[in-house]
Amino acid sequence: MLRWQIAIQQYRGNMTIVHKSGNIYKNADGLSRWALANTHENPAWVPQEEHHIEGICVTEIGTEFLNKVKQSYKIDKNFHILCQLLMKDCKD
């Protein structure tokens, strides 16, 4: 609602706003979701914190352990079912 108020405030006094149910006027829903950039010009601006990377940890997995993990996936029933479901949805 704030976004609409910002967008149409220049026309204040020249129009009347009437609520129309979204159940009836579904095509207007996209307009209500108009995105505003999070900049200083936006009255709803929220400053975002900057997060700096303090360090990176790199871990290597041994070949023997990695092979055990791969083999365990082949015999895991739940993993097999999950893969089938995902592949079924991605065939298109």
Protein backbone atom coordinates (compact mmCIF):
# COMPACT_ATOMS: atom_id res chain seq x y z
CA MET A 1 0.00 0.00 0.00
CA LEU A 2 2.87 2.34 0.79
CA ARG A 3 4.24 1.89 -2.72
CA TRP A 4 0.93 2.94 -4.25
CA GLN A 5 0.72 5.97 -1.99
CA ILE A 6 4.18 7.02 -3.12
CA ALA A 7 3.39 6.46 -6.79
CA ILE A 8 0.15 8.43 -6.84
CA GLN A 9 0.76 11.15 -4.25
CA GLN A 10 1.36 13.70 -7.02
CA TYR A 11 -2.29 13.26 -8.05
CA ARG A 12 -3.67 13.80 -4.53
CA GLY A 13 -6.87 15.82 -4.61
CA ASN A 14 -7.59 14.89 -8.24
CA MET A 15 -8.87 11.37 -7.64
CA THR A 16 -10.85 9.13 -5.33
CA ILE A 17 -9.43 5.75 -4.37
CA VAL A 18 -11.94 2.90 -4.14
CA HIS A 19 -10.98 -0.57 -2.94
CA LYS A 20 -11.78 -3.38 -5.37
CA SER A 21 -11.59 -6.97 -4.18
CA GLY A 22 -8.60 -8.91 -5.50
CA ASN A 23 -10.84 -11.94 -5.90
CA ILE A 24 -12.75 -10.14 -8.65
CA TYR A 25 -9.98 -7.97 -10.18
CA LYS A 26 -7.11 -10.48 -10.37
CA ASN A 27 -5.33 -8.63 -13.19
CA ALA A 28 -4.48 -5.71 -10.88
CA ASP A 29 -2.52 -7.90 -8.47
CA GLY A 30 0.73 -7.42 -10.41
CA LEU A 31 0.44 -3.67 -10.01
CA SER A 32 0.11 -3.99 -6.25
CA ARG A 33 3.44 -5.82 -6.19
CA TRP A 34 5.35 -3.04 -7.96
CA ALA A 35 8.89 -3.18 -6.62
CA LEU A 36 10.77 -0.11 -5.48
CA ALA A 37 14.53 -0.09 -5.29
CA ASN A 38 15.96 0.12 -1.79
CA THR A 39 17.60 3.52 -2.35
CA HIS A 40 17.69 6.83 -0.47
CA GLU A 41 14.93 8.18 -2.74
CA ASN A 42 12.52 5.49 -1.50
CA PRO A 43 10.65 6.71 1.63
CA ALA A 44 10.55 3.10 2.84
CA TRP A 45 14.34 2.78 2.46
CA VAL A 46 16.01 0.47 4.93
CA PRO A 47 19.80 0.69 5.19
CA GLN A 48 21.41 -2.68 4.64
CA GLU A 49 24.35 -3.87 6.65
CA GLU A 50 27.53 -4.78 4.85
CA HIS A 51 28.91 -8.17 5.74
CA HIS A 52 32.59 -8.69 5.10
CA ILE A 53 34.16 -12.10 4.72
CA GLU A 54 36.46 -12.61 7.67
CA GLY A 55 37.89 -15.93 6.54
CA ILE A 56 37.43 -18.94 4.31
CA CYS A 57 37.83 -22.54 5.36
CA VAL A 58 38.56 -25.11 2.65
CA THR A 59 38.14 -28.76 3.50
CA GLU A 60 39.25 -31.66 1.38
CA ILE A 61 37.44 -34.97 1.49
CA GLY A 62 39.49 -38.10 1.08
CA THR A 63 38.79 -40.23 -2.00
CA GLU A 64 37.96 -43.30 0.09
CA PHE A 65 35.37 -41.42 2.17
CA LEU A 66 33.88 -39.78 -0.93
CA ASN A 67 33.48 -43.19 -2.59
CA LYS A 68 31.73 -44.54 0.52
CA VAL A 69 29.28 -41.63 0.40
CA LYS A 70 28.60 -42.24 -3.30
CA GLN A 71 28.02 -45.96 -2.69
CA SER A 72 25.67 -45.27 0.23
CA TYR A 73 23.48 -43.13 -2.03
CA LYS A 74 23.09 -46.07 -4.42
CA ILE A 75 21.63 -48.32 -1.70
CA ASP A 76 19.57 -45.70 0.18
CA LYS A 77 15.85 -46.30 -0.58
CA ASN A 78 14.76 -42.78 0.34
CA PHE A 79 17.44 -41.18 -1.82
CA HIS A 80 16.44 -43.41 -4.74
CA ILE A 81 12.77 -42.42 -4.39
CA LEU A 82 13.69 -38.74 -4.15
CA CYS A 83 15.83 -38.95 -7.30
CA GLN A 84 13.00 -40.66 -9.20
CA LEU A 85 10.52 -37.96 -8.17
CA LEU A 86 12.89 -35.16 -9.13
CA MET A 87 13.76 -36.73 -12.48
CA LYS A 88 10.08 -37.34 -13.22
CA ASP A 89 9.37 -33.60 -12.80
CA CYS A 90 12.40 -32.59 -14.91
CA LYS A 91 11.76 -34.74 -17.99
CA ASP A 92 10.12 -31.88 -19.88
